[in-house]
N, C-alpha and C. Protein backbone atom coordinates (compact mmCIF):
# COMPACT_ATOMS: atom_id res chain seq x y z
N MET A 1 6.54 28.51 63.67
CA MET A 1 6.99 28.48 64.93
C MET A 1 8.36 29.22 64.88
N GLY A 2 8.60 30.14 65.87
CA GLY A 2 9.83 30.96 66.05
C GLY A 2 11.03 30.24 66.66
N MET A 3 12.23 30.95 66.52
CA MET A 3 13.41 30.27 67.04
C MET A 3 13.88 31.33 68.01
N PRO A 4 14.03 30.92 69.29
CA PRO A 4 14.49 31.89 70.21
C PRO A 4 16.10 32.29 69.79
N LEU A 5 16.34 33.55 69.94
CA LEU A 5 17.78 34.08 69.52
C LEU A 5 17.98 35.29 70.44
N GLU A 6 19.26 35.34 70.87
CA GLU A 6 19.72 36.37 71.75
C GLU A 6 20.88 37.16 71.08
N LEU A 7 20.79 38.52 71.00
CA LEU A 7 21.71 39.32 70.40
C LEU A 7 22.68 39.78 71.50
N ASN A 8 24.13 39.60 71.26
CA ASN A 8 25.12 39.72 72.24
C ASN A 8 26.16 40.63 71.68
N THR A 9 26.48 41.73 72.45
CA THR A 9 27.60 42.50 71.91
C THR A 9 28.85 42.59 73.04
N LEU A 10 28.90 41.59 73.72
CA LEU A 10 29.83 41.13 74.70
C LEU A 10 30.17 39.68 74.78
N ILE A 11 31.55 39.51 74.90
CA ILE A 11 31.72 38.01 75.02
C ILE A 11 32.05 37.74 76.59
N VAL A 12 31.14 36.92 77.21
CA VAL A 12 31.35 36.51 78.56
C VAL A 12 31.78 35.07 78.71
N THR A 13 32.94 34.76 79.03
CA THR A 13 33.60 33.53 78.98
C THR A 13 33.19 32.73 80.14
N LYS A 14 33.12 33.13 81.30
CA LYS A 14 32.89 32.37 82.50
C LYS A 14 33.91 31.18 82.72
N GLY A 15 35.14 31.52 82.17
CA GLY A 15 36.37 30.59 82.21
C GLY A 15 36.09 29.28 81.46
N ARG A 16 35.18 29.28 80.51
CA ARG A 16 35.00 28.04 79.57
C ARG A 16 35.63 28.17 78.22
N GLU A 17 36.40 29.21 77.93
CA GLU A 17 36.98 29.30 76.61
C GLU A 17 38.20 28.37 76.51
N GLN A 18 38.47 27.87 75.33
CA GLN A 18 39.60 26.98 75.03
C GLN A 18 40.37 27.59 74.01
N ARG A 19 41.71 27.67 74.41
CA ARG A 19 42.67 28.38 73.32
C ARG A 19 43.20 27.25 72.40
N ILE A 20 43.04 27.72 71.05
CA ILE A 20 43.40 26.67 69.93
C ILE A 20 44.69 27.22 69.18
N GLU A 21 44.92 28.52 69.36
CA GLU A 21 46.36 29.00 68.92
C GLU A 21 46.67 30.18 69.98
N GLU A 22 47.74 30.90 69.64
CA GLU A 22 48.23 31.83 70.67
C GLU A 22 47.13 32.81 71.02
N ASN A 23 46.42 33.53 70.17
CA ASN A 23 45.48 34.38 70.34
C ASN A 23 44.14 34.13 69.95
N LEU A 24 43.88 32.75 69.42
CA LEU A 24 42.52 32.28 69.04
C LEU A 24 41.98 31.31 70.12
N PHE A 25 40.68 31.70 70.34
CA PHE A 25 39.89 30.76 71.32
C PHE A 25 38.62 30.44 70.70
N VAL A 26 38.01 29.30 71.31
CA VAL A 26 36.80 28.85 70.99
C VAL A 26 35.93 28.67 72.31
N LEU A 27 34.59 29.24 72.18
CA LEU A 27 33.73 29.16 73.30
C LEU A 27 32.43 28.67 72.96
N GLU A 28 31.77 27.77 73.67
CA GLU A 28 30.52 27.16 73.31
C GLU A 28 29.51 27.77 74.41
N LYS A 29 28.40 28.23 73.87
CA LYS A 29 27.30 28.79 74.75
C LYS A 29 26.05 28.13 74.55
N GLU A 30 25.20 27.96 75.56
CA GLU A 30 24.02 27.40 75.45
C GLU A 30 22.92 28.40 74.68
N GLY A 31 22.15 27.76 73.75
CA GLY A 31 21.10 28.63 73.04
C GLY A 31 21.78 29.12 71.82
N TYR A 32 20.89 29.87 71.06
CA TYR A 32 21.28 30.54 69.67
C TYR A 32 21.60 31.91 69.98
N ARG A 33 22.79 32.33 69.81
CA ARG A 33 23.19 33.79 70.02
C ARG A 33 23.77 34.22 68.81
N LEU A 34 23.53 35.73 68.60
CA LEU A 34 24.10 36.29 67.38
C LEU A 34 25.10 37.33 67.99
N TYR A 35 26.31 37.40 67.41
CA TYR A 35 27.25 38.33 67.80
C TYR A 35 27.70 38.96 66.43
N PRO A 36 28.25 40.32 66.57
CA PRO A 36 28.88 40.92 65.42
C PRO A 36 30.23 40.34 65.18
N ILE A 37 30.33 40.09 63.77
CA ILE A 37 31.54 39.49 63.35
C ILE A 37 32.55 40.34 62.83
N GLU A 38 33.90 40.23 63.06
CA GLU A 38 34.92 41.19 62.66
C GLU A 38 34.85 42.63 63.16
N ILE A 39 34.26 42.87 64.41
CA ILE A 39 34.18 44.12 64.94
C ILE A 39 34.67 43.90 66.34
N PRO A 40 35.49 44.79 66.75
CA PRO A 40 35.99 44.58 68.14
C PRO A 40 34.89 44.56 69.19
N ILE A 41 34.86 43.69 70.14
CA ILE A 41 33.97 43.64 71.23
C ILE A 41 34.62 43.33 72.63
N GLU A 42 34.14 43.66 73.57
CA GLU A 42 34.78 43.40 74.90
C GLU A 42 34.63 42.00 75.28
N VAL A 43 35.75 41.29 76.12
CA VAL A 43 35.75 40.11 76.55
C VAL A 43 35.89 40.13 78.03
N ARG A 44 34.89 39.60 78.81
CA ARG A 44 34.84 39.45 80.29
C ARG A 44 34.71 38.11 80.74
N LYS A 45 35.12 37.87 81.88
CA LYS A 45 35.08 36.63 82.52
C LYS A 45 33.62 36.48 83.08
N THR A 46 33.01 37.37 83.59
CA THR A 46 31.64 37.31 84.20
C THR A 46 30.95 38.61 83.54
N LEU A 47 29.69 38.65 83.71
CA LEU A 47 29.02 39.94 83.17
C LEU A 47 29.34 41.01 84.01
N ASP A 48 29.49 40.90 85.26
CA ASP A 48 29.73 42.09 86.23
C ASP A 48 31.25 42.44 86.52
N SER A 49 32.08 41.63 85.88
CA SER A 49 33.57 41.83 86.04
C SER A 49 34.16 42.97 85.11
N ILE A 50 35.28 43.40 85.27
CA ILE A 50 35.92 44.46 84.29
C ILE A 50 36.37 43.61 83.00
N SER A 51 36.44 44.56 82.11
CA SER A 51 36.85 43.91 80.78
C SER A 51 38.25 43.39 80.88
N ASN A 52 38.41 42.15 80.30
CA ASN A 52 39.81 41.45 80.15
C ASN A 52 40.51 41.87 78.90
N GLY A 53 39.68 42.42 77.92
CA GLY A 53 40.30 42.78 76.67
C GLY A 53 39.33 42.96 75.39
N SER A 54 39.86 42.94 74.37
CA SER A 54 38.91 43.08 73.07
C SER A 54 39.20 41.94 72.13
N ALA A 55 38.22 41.59 71.46
CA ALA A 55 38.42 40.34 70.44
C ALA A 55 37.56 40.53 69.15
N LEU A 56 37.88 39.94 68.16
CA LEU A 56 37.12 39.88 66.88
C LEU A 56 36.73 38.55 66.78
N ILE A 57 35.46 38.32 66.53
CA ILE A 57 34.71 37.02 66.31
C ILE A 57 35.06 36.66 64.87
N LYS A 58 35.69 35.65 64.77
CA LYS A 58 36.04 35.18 63.37
C LYS A 58 35.13 34.06 62.76
N LYS A 59 34.36 33.31 63.53
CA LYS A 59 33.51 32.32 63.24
C LYS A 59 32.47 32.11 64.10
N LEU A 60 31.06 31.88 63.72
CA LEU A 60 29.99 31.77 64.53
C LEU A 60 29.21 30.58 64.03
N GLU A 61 28.88 29.50 64.83
CA GLU A 61 28.33 28.24 64.35
C GLU A 61 27.03 28.01 65.32
N TRP A 62 25.82 27.70 64.82
CA TRP A 62 24.60 27.27 65.50
C TRP A 62 24.45 25.80 65.22
N GLU A 63 24.42 25.13 66.21
CA GLU A 63 24.03 23.68 66.06
C GLU A 63 23.45 23.13 67.37
N HIS A 64 22.37 22.42 67.28
CA HIS A 64 21.72 21.72 68.47
C HIS A 64 21.60 22.44 69.72
N ASN A 65 21.03 23.70 69.42
CA ASN A 65 20.67 24.67 70.50
C ASN A 65 22.00 25.16 71.18
N LYS A 66 22.97 25.22 70.54
CA LYS A 66 24.27 25.67 71.11
C LYS A 66 24.89 26.77 70.05
N THR A 67 25.57 27.74 70.47
CA THR A 67 26.37 28.61 69.78
C THR A 67 27.92 28.40 70.00
N THR A 68 28.48 28.37 68.90
CA THR A 68 30.03 28.15 69.12
C THR A 68 30.78 29.40 68.39
N ILE A 69 31.49 30.08 69.08
CA ILE A 69 32.23 31.21 68.54
C ILE A 69 33.71 30.90 68.57
N THR A 70 34.33 31.31 67.54
CA THR A 70 35.78 31.28 67.45
C THR A 70 36.15 32.81 67.34
N TYR A 71 37.13 33.15 68.34
CA TYR A 71 37.52 34.68 68.36
C TYR A 71 38.98 34.78 68.59
N GLN A 72 39.50 35.95 68.14
CA GLN A 72 40.82 36.37 68.15
C GLN A 72 40.91 37.49 69.18
N LEU A 73 41.70 37.24 70.24
CA LEU A 73 41.98 38.35 71.19
C LEU A 73 42.85 39.25 70.47
N ILE A 74 42.50 40.44 70.48
CA ILE A 74 43.41 41.56 69.79
C ILE A 74 44.03 42.48 70.82
N SER A 75 43.40 42.63 72.08
CA SER A 75 44.09 43.43 73.15
C SER A 75 43.63 42.73 74.37
N LEU A 76 44.78 42.87 75.39
CA LEU A 76 44.41 42.42 76.71
C LEU A 76 44.72 43.48 77.58
N ASN A 77 43.83 43.70 78.70
CA ASN A 77 43.79 44.46 79.68
C ASN A 77 44.57 43.78 80.83
N SER A 78 45.62 44.28 81.42
CA SER A 78 46.43 43.62 82.37
C SER A 78 46.71 44.46 83.58
N THR A 79 46.81 43.99 84.75
CA THR A 79 47.06 44.82 85.86
C THR A 79 48.51 44.72 86.31
N ASN A 80 49.27 44.07 85.49
CA ASN A 80 50.70 43.77 85.92
C ASN A 80 51.54 45.02 85.94
């Protein structure tokens, strides 16, 4: 029996991220997802929004049909 797995090359937060330190965040997503670790990838609020910045995924956990990622924001795109 197979395990459904989704490969992601973009972090889409939908505003559900939680800050644990200054530039370190945790995000929980439904299903099993695979992300590149320690490679800069885009962070967006929604799939169709513009990029908020770039991040490095530091930790990836799969448990109970959920994926939890811990990522470090390395650049922030701001309109200020």
